[in-house]
Amino acid sequence: MTNYEIAASQQNAQEAKNRPDHALFIGYAPLEQPRIAVAVRIANGYGSSNATAVGRSIFNYYFVLESQENIVTGEASQADNTRTD
């Protein structure tokens, strides 16, 4: 598979004003005849874009669009640590 369409939703969930929001992403792919569903929750993950990036990597790995070596680097990626409130 060289390309795929997904159905997805991303949200932030606020627990407390003095902590970063939780980052949420839920999706499935391909859009027609789904084969995989993904749910990502990053506690205090700031924005949903961080959970979406994890979800994208999972889909890319599953559909062999990106190698495991490029996805799992052993280092944290740069997080978007902005609040949305």
PDB file of N, CA and C in Angstrom:
ATOM      1  N   MET A   1       0.851  -1.174   0.000  1.00  0.00           N
ATOM      2  CA  MET A   1       0.000   0.000   0.000  1.00  0.00           C
ATOM      3  C   MET A   1       0.892   1.231   0.000  1.00  0.00           C
ATOM      4  N   THR A   2       0.674   2.130  -0.917  1.00  0.00           N
ATOM      5  CA  THR A   2       1.497   3.327  -0.987  1.00  0.00           C
ATOM      6  C   THR A   2       0.807   4.555  -0.413  1.00  0.00           C
ATOM      7  N   ASN A   3      -0.497   4.486  -0.235  1.00  0.00           N
ATOM      8  CA  ASN A   3      -1.239   5.614   0.294  1.00  0.00           C
ATOM      9  C   ASN A   3      -2.493   5.071   0.965  1.00  0.00           C
ATOM     10  N   TYR A   4      -3.003   5.772   1.943  1.00  0.00           N
ATOM     11  CA  TYR A   4      -4.220   5.336   2.606  1.00  0.00           C
ATOM     12  C   TYR A   4      -4.957   6.545   3.169  1.00  0.00           C
ATOM     13  N   GLU A   5      -6.267   6.431   3.278  1.00  0.00           N
ATOM     14  CA  GLU A   5      -7.080   7.454   3.913  1.00  0.00           C
ATOM     15  C   GLU A   5      -7.518   6.937   5.273  1.00  0.00           C
ATOM     16  N   ILE A   6      -7.595   7.837   6.253  1.00  0.00           N
ATOM     17  CA  ILE A   6      -8.014   7.444   7.591  1.00  0.00           C
ATOM     18  C   ILE A   6      -9.248   8.240   8.012  1.00  0.00           C
ATOM     19  N   ALA A   7      -9.943   7.711   8.980  1.00  0.00           N
ATOM     20  CA  ALA A   7     -10.977   8.449   9.707  1.00  0.00           C
ATOM     21  C   ALA A   7     -10.415   8.642  11.108  1.00  0.00           C
ATOM     22  N   ALA A   8     -10.467   9.866  11.608  1.00  0.00           N
ATOM     23  CA  ALA A   8      -9.821  10.127  12.898  1.00  0.00           C
ATOM     24  C   ALA A   8     -10.455  11.297  13.624  1.00  0.00           C
ATOM     25  N   SER A   9     -10.193  11.336  14.920  1.00  0.00           N
ATOM     26  CA  SER A   9     -10.581  12.456  15.760  1.00  0.00           C
ATOM     27  C   SER A   9      -9.435  12.729  16.719  1.00  0.00           C
ATOM     28  N   GLN A  10      -9.199  13.987  16.982  1.00  0.00           N
ATOM     29  CA  GLN A  10      -8.161  14.362  17.942  1.00  0.00           C
ATOM     30  C   GLN A  10      -8.740  15.391  18.899  1.00  0.00           C
ATOM     31  N   GLN A  11      -8.358  15.289  20.152  1.00  0.00           N
ATOM     32  CA  GLN A  11      -8.883  16.183  21.183  1.00  0.00           C
ATOM     33  C   GLN A  11      -7.842  16.406  22.264  1.00  0.00           C
ATOM     34  N   ASN A  12      -8.075  17.447  23.044  1.00  0.00           N
ATOM     35  CA  ASN A  12      -7.326  17.676  24.275  1.00  0.00           C
ATOM     36  C   ASN A  12      -8.300  17.494  25.430  1.00  0.00           C
ATOM     37  N   ALA A  13      -7.835  16.972  26.534  1.00  0.00           N
ATOM     38  CA  ALA A  13      -8.671  16.829  27.725  1.00  0.00           C
ATOM     39  C   ALA A  13      -7.959  17.499  28.888  1.00  0.00           C
ATOM     40  N   GLN A  14      -8.605  18.493  29.469  1.00  0.00           N
ATOM     41  CA  GLN A  14      -7.997  19.225  30.563  1.00  0.00           C
ATOM     42  C   GLN A  14      -8.374  18.592  31.890  1.00  0.00           C
ATOM     43  N   GLU A  15      -7.375  18.303  32.707  1.00  0.00           N
ATOM     44  CA  GLU A  15      -7.598  17.744  34.038  1.00  0.00           C
ATOM     45  C   GLU A  15      -7.532  18.845  35.090  1.00  0.00           C
ATOM     46  N   ALA A  16      -6.543  19.704  34.972  1.00  0.00           N
ATOM     47  CA  ALA A  16      -6.347  20.791  35.921  1.00  0.00           C
ATOM     48  C   ALA A  16      -5.649  21.938  35.212  1.00  0.00           C
ATOM     49  N   LYS A  17      -5.922  23.159  35.673  1.00  0.00           N
ATOM     50  CA  LYS A  17      -5.317  24.330  35.024  1.00  0.00           C
ATOM     51  C   LYS A  17      -3.811  24.421  35.250  1.00  0.00           C
ATOM     52  N   ASN A  18      -3.297  23.753  36.286  1.00  0.00           N
ATOM     53  CA  ASN A  18      -1.862  23.834  36.575  1.00  0.00           C
ATOM     54  C   ASN A  18      -1.068  22.680  35.973  1.00  0.00           C
ATOM     55  N   ARG A  19      -1.703  21.869  35.095  1.00  0.00           N
ATOM     56  CA  ARG A  19      -1.015  20.763  34.416  1.00  0.00           C
ATOM     57  C   ARG A  19      -1.318  20.835  32.928  1.00  0.00           C
ATOM     58  N   PRO A  20      -0.417  20.290  32.119  1.00  0.00           N
ATOM     59  CA  PRO A  20      -0.693  20.244  30.681  1.00  0.00           C
ATOM     60  C   PRO A  20      -1.908  19.356  30.381  1.00  0.00           C
ATOM     61  N   ASP A  21      -2.611  19.677  29.307  1.00  0.00           N
ATOM     62  CA  ASP A  21      -3.754  18.869  28.878  1.00  0.00           C
ATOM     63  C   ASP A  21      -3.301  17.474  28.472  1.00  0.00           C
ATOM     64  N   HIS A  22      -4.224  16.523  28.496  1.00  0.00           N
ATOM     65  CA  HIS A  22      -3.977  15.186  27.965  1.00  0.00           C
ATOM     66  C   HIS A  22      -4.208  15.250  26.456  1.00  0.00           C
ATOM     67  N   ALA A  23      -3.375  14.574  25.691  1.00  0.00           N
ATOM     68  CA  ALA A  23      -3.472  14.557  24.230  1.00  0.00           C
ATOM     69  C   ALA A  23      -4.147  13.263  23.791  1.00  0.00           C
ATOM     70  N   LEU A  24      -5.147  13.365  22.915  1.00  0.00           N
ATOM     71  CA  LEU A  24      -5.918  12.198  22.499  1.00  0.00           C
ATOM     72  C   LEU A  24      -6.018  12.119  20.978  1.00  0.00           C
ATOM     73  N   PHE A  25      -5.935  10.889  20.467  1.00  0.00           N
ATOM     74  CA  PHE A  25      -6.121  10.625  19.033  1.00  0.00           C
ATOM     75  C   PHE A  25      -6.764   9.250  18.889  1.00  0.00           C
ATOM     76  N   ILE A  26      -7.805   9.157  18.070  1.00  0.00           N
ATOM     77  CA  ILE A  26      -8.451   7.886  17.753  1.00  0.00           C
ATOM     78  C   ILE A  26      -8.666   7.860  16.245  1.00  0.00           C
ATOM     79  N   GLY A  27      -8.311   6.741  15.619  1.00  0.00           N
ATOM     80  CA  GLY A  27      -8.509   6.649  14.172  1.00  0.00           C
ATOM     81  C   GLY A  27      -8.504   5.225  13.674  1.00  0.00           C
ATOM     82  N   TYR A  28      -8.945   5.052  12.425  1.00  0.00           N
ATOM     83  CA  TYR A  28      -8.865   3.747  11.775  1.00  0.00           C
ATOM     84  C   TYR A  28      -8.533   3.937  10.309  1.00  0.00           C
ATOM     85  N   ALA A  29      -8.003   2.869   9.714  1.00  0.00           N
ATOM     86  CA  ALA A  29      -7.582   2.930   8.311  1.00  0.00           C
ATOM     87  C   ALA A  29      -7.585   1.536   7.716  1.00  0.00           C
ATOM     88  N   PRO A  30      -7.647   1.422   6.414  1.00  0.00           N
ATOM     89  CA  PRO A  30      -8.040   2.491   5.498  1.00  0.00           C
ATOM     90  C   PRO A  30      -9.507   2.865   5.692  1.00  0.00           C
ATOM     91  N   LEU A  31      -9.872   4.018   5.182  1.00  0.00           N
ATOM     92  CA  LEU A  31     -11.221   4.540   5.355  1.00  0.00           C
ATOM     93  C   LEU A  31     -12.269   3.543   4.871  1.00  0.00           C
ATOM     94  N   GLU A  32     -12.061   3.013   3.687  1.00  0.00           N
ATOM     95  CA  GLU A  32     -12.938   1.964   3.162  1.00  0.00           C
ATOM     96  C   GLU A  32     -12.347   0.618   3.588  1.00  0.00           C
ATOM     97  N   GLN A  33     -13.124  -0.245   4.152  1.00  0.00           N
ATOM     98  CA  GLN A  33     -12.691  -1.567   4.612  1.00  0.00           C
ATOM     99  C   GLN A  33     -11.531  -1.483   5.611  1.00  0.00           C
ATOM    100  N   PRO A  34     -11.775  -0.911   6.795  1.00  0.00           N
ATOM    101  CA  PRO A  34     -10.723  -0.738   7.806  1.00  0.00           C
ATOM    102  C   PRO A  34     -10.050  -2.055   8.195  1.00  0.00           C
ATOM    103  N   ARG A  35      -8.739  -1.965   8.426  1.00  0.00           N
ATOM    104  CA  ARG A  35      -7.941  -3.112   8.869  1.00  0.00           C
ATOM    105  C   ARG A  35      -7.285  -2.872  10.216  1.00  0.00           C
ATOM    106  N   ILE A  36      -7.175  -1.603  10.635  1.00  0.00           N
ATOM    107  CA  ILE A  36      -6.514  -1.289  11.894  1.00  0.00           C
ATOM    108  C   ILE A  36      -7.203  -0.100  12.555  1.00  0.00           C
ATOM    109  N   ALA A  37      -7.338  -0.171  13.876  1.00  0.00           N
ATOM    110  CA  ALA A  37      -7.847   0.942  14.677  1.00  0.00           C
ATOM    111  C   ALA A  37      -6.768   1.320  15.687  1.00  0.00           C
ATOM    112  N   VAL A  38      -6.618   2.609  15.929  1.00  0.00           N
ATOM    113  CA  VAL A  38      -5.565   3.104  16.814  1.00  0.00           C
ATOM    114  C   VAL A  38      -6.173   4.100  17.799  1.00  0.00           C
ATOM    115  N   ALA A  39      -5.810   3.965  19.062  1.00  0.00           N
ATOM    116  CA  ALA A  39      -6.178   4.946  20.083  1.00  0.00           C
ATOM    117  C   ALA A  39      -4.907   5.329  20.827  1.00  0.00           C
ATOM    118  N   VAL A  40      -4.643   6.631  20.911  1.00  0.00           N
ATOM    119  CA  VAL A  40      -3.438   7.128  21.584  1.00  0.00           C
ATOM    120  C   VAL A  40      -3.872   8.141  22.642  1.00  0.00           C
ATOM    121  N   ARG A  41      -3.401   7.967  23.860  1.00  0.00           N
ATOM    122  CA  ARG A  41      -3.601   8.935  24.932  1.00  0.00           C
ATOM    123  C   ARG A  41      -2.240   9.202  25.550  1.00  0.00           C
ATOM    124  N   ILE A  42      -1.850  10.450  25.549  1.00  0.00           N
ATOM    125  CA  ILE A  42      -0.601  10.834  26.190  1.00  0.00           C
ATOM    126  C   ILE A  42      -0.970  11.708  27.386  1.00  0.00           C
ATOM    127  N   ALA A  43      -0.795  11.149  28.583  1.00  0.00           N
ATOM    128  CA  ALA A  43      -1.107  11.896  29.802  1.00  0.00           C
ATOM    129  C   ALA A  43      -0.227  13.133  29.865  1.00  0.00           C
ATOM    130  N   ASN A  44      -0.854  14.275  30.105  1.00  0.00           N
ATOM    131  CA  ASN A  44      -0.148  15.561  30.152  1.00  0.00           C
ATOM    132  C   ASN A  44       0.693  15.774  28.904  1.00  0.00           C
ATOM    133  N   GLY A  45       0.148  15.400  27.767  1.00  0.00           N
ATOM    134  CA  GLY A  45       0.862  15.466  26.493  1.00  0.00           C
ATOM    135  C   GLY A  45       0.715  16.784  25.756  1.00  0.00           C
ATOM    136  N   TYR A  46       0.200  17.811  26.420  1.00  0.00           N
ATOM    137  CA  TYR A  46       0.008  19.158  25.883  1.00  0.00           C
ATOM    138  C   TYR A  46      -1.071  19.181  24.816  1.00  0.00           C
ATOM    139  N   GLY A  47      -0.743  19.043  23.548  1.00  0.00           N
ATOM    140  CA  GLY A  47      -1.727  19.180  22.486  1.00  0.00           C
ATOM    141  C   GLY A  47      -1.984  17.881  21.756  1.00  0.00           C
ATOM    142  N   SER A  48      -3.140  17.812  21.104  1.00  0.00           N
ATOM    143  CA  SER A  48      -3.505  16.603  20.374  1.00  0.00           C
ATOM    144  C   SER A  48      -2.555  16.329  19.215  1.00  0.00           C
ATOM    145  N   SER A  49      -1.824  17.335  18.754  1.00  0.00           N
ATOM    146  CA  SER A  49      -0.869  17.109  17.658  1.00  0.00           C
ATOM    147  C   SER A  49       0.207  16.098  18.060  1.00  0.00           C
ATOM    148  N   ASN A  50       0.535  16.026  19.344  1.00  0.00           N
ATOM    149  CA  ASN A  50       1.521  15.038  19.797  1.00  0.00           C
ATOM    150  C   ASN A  50       0.973  13.621  19.705  1.00  0.00           C
ATOM    151  N   ALA A  51      -0.287  13.429  20.101  1.00  0.00           N
ATOM    152  CA  ALA A  51      -0.911  12.111  19.985  1.00  0.00           C
ATOM    153  C   ALA A  51      -1.130  11.750  18.523  1.00  0.00           C
ATOM    154  N   THR A  52      -1.463  12.737  17.702  1.00  0.00           N
ATOM    155  CA  THR A  52      -1.653  12.501  16.271  1.00  0.00           C
ATOM    156  C   THR A  52      -0.357  12.039  15.621  1.00  0.00           C
ATOM    157  N   ALA A  53       0.766  12.614  16.012  1.00  0.00           N
ATOM    158  CA  ALA A  53       2.061  12.199  15.457  1.00  0.00           C
ATOM    159  C   ALA A  53       2.361  10.743  15.794  1.00  0.00           C
ATOM    160  N   VAL A  54       2.021  10.315  17.007  1.00  0.00           N
ATOM    161  CA  VAL A  54       2.216   8.914  17.395  1.00  0.00           C
ATOM    162  C   VAL A  54       1.300   8.018  16.557  1.00  0.00           C
ATOM    163  N   GLY A  55       0.035   8.421  16.421  1.00  0.00           N
ATOM    164  CA  GLY A  55      -0.902   7.658  15.602  1.00  0.00           C
ATOM    165  C   GLY A  55      -0.433   7.520  14.162  1.00  0.00           C
ATOM    166  N   ARG A  56       0.078   8.606  13.599  1.00  0.00           N
ATOM    167  CA  ARG A  56       0.602   8.575  12.225  1.00  0.00           C
ATOM    168  C   ARG A  56       1.745   7.574  12.100  1.00  0.00           C
ATOM    169  N   SER A  57       2.636   7.564  13.067  1.00  0.00           N
ATOM    170  CA  SER A  57       3.753   6.612  13.032  1.00  0.00           C
ATOM    171  C   SER A  57       3.259   5.169  13.102  1.00  0.00           C
ATOM    172  N   ILE A  58       2.232   4.921  13.910  1.00  0.00           N
ATOM    173  CA  ILE A  58       1.685   3.561  14.007  1.00  0.00           C
ATOM    174  C   ILE A  58       1.089   3.135  12.671  1.00  0.00           C
ATOM    175  N   PHE A  59       0.293   4.004  12.061  1.00  0.00           N
ATOM    176  CA  PHE A  59      -0.277   3.688  10.744  1.00  0.00           C
ATOM    177  C   PHE A  59       0.824   3.475   9.707  1.00  0.00           C
ATOM    178  N   ASN A  60       1.816   4.350   9.689  1.00  0.00           N
ATOM    179  CA  ASN A  60       2.905   4.227   8.706  1.00  0.00           C
ATOM    180  C   ASN A  60       3.682   2.927   8.889  1.00  0.00           C
ATOM    181  N   TYR A  61       3.876   2.516  10.129  1.00  0.00           N
ATOM    182  CA  TYR A  61       4.552   1.242  10.375  1.00  0.00           C
ATOM    183  C   TYR A  61       3.681   0.079   9.899  1.00  0.00           C
ATOM    184  N   TYR A  62       2.405   0.104  10.257  1.00  0.00           N
ATOM    185  CA  TYR A  62       1.500  -0.985   9.897  1.00  0.00           C
ATOM    186  C   TYR A  62       1.400  -1.157   8.381  1.00  0.00           C
ATOM    187  N   PHE A  63       1.300  -0.046   7.662  1.00  0.00           N
ATOM    188  CA  PHE A  63       1.160  -0.111   6.204  1.00  0.00           C
ATOM    189  C   PHE A  63       2.515  -0.096   5.481  1.00  0.00           C
ATOM    190  N   VAL A  64       3.591  -0.257   6.229  1.00  0.00           N
ATOM    191  CA  VAL A  64       4.967  -0.338   5.719  1.00  0.00           C
ATOM    192  C   VAL A  64       5.299   0.879   4.841  1.00  0.00           C
ATOM    193  N   LEU A  65       4.957   2.059   5.356  1.00  0.00           N
ATOM    194  CA  LEU A  65       5.286   3.305   4.661  1.00  0.00           C
ATOM    195  C   LEU A  65       6.516   3.972   5.252  1.00  0.00           C
ATOM    196  N   GLU A  66       6.945   3.470   6.406  1.00  0.00           N
ATOM    197  CA  GLU A  66       8.124   4.011   7.073  1.00  0.00           C
ATOM    198  C   GLU A  66       8.772   2.857   7.832  1.00  0.00           C
ATOM    199  N   SER A  67      10.079   2.812   7.847  1.00  0.00           N
ATOM    200  CA  SER A  67      10.773   1.701   8.497  1.00  0.00           C
ATOM    201  C   SER A  67      10.743   1.858  10.017  1.00  0.00           C
ATOM    202  N   GLN A  68      10.858   0.737  10.699  1.00  0.00           N
ATOM    203  CA  GLN A  68      10.899   0.744  12.157  1.00  0.00           C
ATOM    204  C   GLN A  68      12.077   1.581  12.657  1.00  0.00           C
ATOM    205  N   GLU A  69      13.187   1.551  11.954  1.00  0.00           N
ATOM    206  CA  GLU A  69      14.373   2.313  12.370  1.00  0.00           C
ATOM    207  C   GLU A  69      14.105   3.817  12.339  1.00  0.00           C
ATOM    208  N   ASN A  70      13.274   4.272  11.410  1.00  0.00           N
ATOM    209  CA  ASN A  70      12.940   5.695  11.355  1.00  0.00           C
ATOM    210  C   ASN A  70      11.917   6.081  12.416  1.00  0.00           C
ATOM    211  N   ILE A  71      11.075   5.133  12.815  1.00  0.00           N
ATOM    212  CA  ILE A  71      10.025   5.426  13.784  1.00  0.00           C
ATOM    213  C   ILE A  71      10.541   5.305  15.208  1.00  0.00           C
ATOM    214  N   VAL A  72      11.231   4.212  15.516  1.00  0.00           N
ATOM    215  CA  VAL A  72      11.719   3.951  16.874  1.00  0.00           C
ATOM    216  C   VAL A  72      13.198   4.302  16.910  1.00  0.00           C
ATOM    217  N   THR A  73      13.486   5.514  17.338  1.00  0.00           N
ATOM    218  CA  THR A  73      14.860   6.000  17.315  1.00  0.00           C
ATOM    219  C   THR A  73      15.561   5.872  18.664  1.00  0.00           C
ATOM    220  N   GLY A  74      14.801   5.589  19.730  1.00  0.00           N
ATOM    221  CA  GLY A  74      15.399   5.530  21.056  1.00  0.00           C
ATOM    222  C   GLY A  74      15.510   6.893  21.704  1.00  0.00           C
ATOM    223  N   GLU A  75      15.016   7.914  21.023  1.00  0.00           N
ATOM    224  CA  GLU A  75      15.042   9.275  21.558  1.00  0.00           C
ATOM    225  C   GLU A  75      13.644   9.866  21.464  1.00  0.00           C
ATOM    226  N   ALA A  76      13.337  10.765  22.382  1.00  0.00           N
ATOM    227  CA  ALA A  76      12.049  11.448  22.337  1.00  0.00           C
ATOM    228  C   ALA A  76      12.047  12.447  21.192  1.00  0.00           C
ATOM    229  N   SER A  77      10.922  12.545  20.528  1.00  0.00           N
ATOM    230  CA  SER A  77      10.806  13.559  19.478  1.00  0.00           C
ATOM    231  C   SER A  77      10.417  14.880  20.110  1.00  0.00           C
ATOM    232  N   GLN A  78      10.535  15.931  19.361  1.00  0.00           N
ATOM    233  CA  GLN A  78      10.186  17.260  19.842  1.00  0.00           C
ATOM    234  C   GLN A  78       8.679  17.362  20.018  1.00  0.00           C
ATOM    235  N   ALA A  79       8.232  17.662  21.212  1.00  0.00           N
ATOM    236  CA  ALA A  79       6.793  17.800  21.495  1.00  0.00           C
ATOM    237  C   ALA A  79       6.372  19.244  21.319  1.00  0.00           C
ATOM    238  N   ASP A  80       5.139  19.405  20.913  1.00  0.00           N
ATOM    239  CA  ASP A  80       4.533  20.732  20.815  1.00  0.00           C
ATOM    240  C   ASP A  80       3.911  21.034  22.176  1.00  0.00           C
ATOM    241  N   ASN A  81       4.581  21.808  22.990  1.00  0.00           N
ATOM    242  CA  ASN A  81       4.123  22.004  24.360  1.00  0.00           C
ATOM    243  C   ASN A  81       3.368  23.331  24.519  1.00  0.00           C
ATOM    244  N   THR A  82       2.375  23.491  23.679  1.00  0.00           N
ATOM    245  CA  THR A  82       1.537  24.684  23.776  1.00  0.00           C
ATOM    246  C   THR A  82       0.162  24.302  24.283  1.00  0.00           C
ATOM    247  N   ARG A  83      -0.386  25.154  25.095  1.00  0.00           N
ATOM    248  CA  ARG A  83      -1.743  24.946  25.609  1.00  0.00           C
ATOM    249  C   ARG A  83      -2.735  25.557  24.636  1.00  0.00           C
ATOM    250  N   THR A  84      -3.935  25.060  24.673  1.00  0.00           N
ATOM    251  CA  THR A  84      -4.964  25.556  23.768  1.00  0.00           C
ATOM    252  C   THR A  84      -6.026  26.391  24.475  1.00  0.00           C
ATOM    253  N   ASP A  85      -5.840  26.677  25.753  1.00  0.00           N
ATOM    254  CA  ASP A  85      -6.877  27.456  26.466  1.00  0.00           C
ATOM    255  C   ASP A  85      -6.544  28.901  26.537  1.00  0.00           C
TER     256      ASP A  85
END
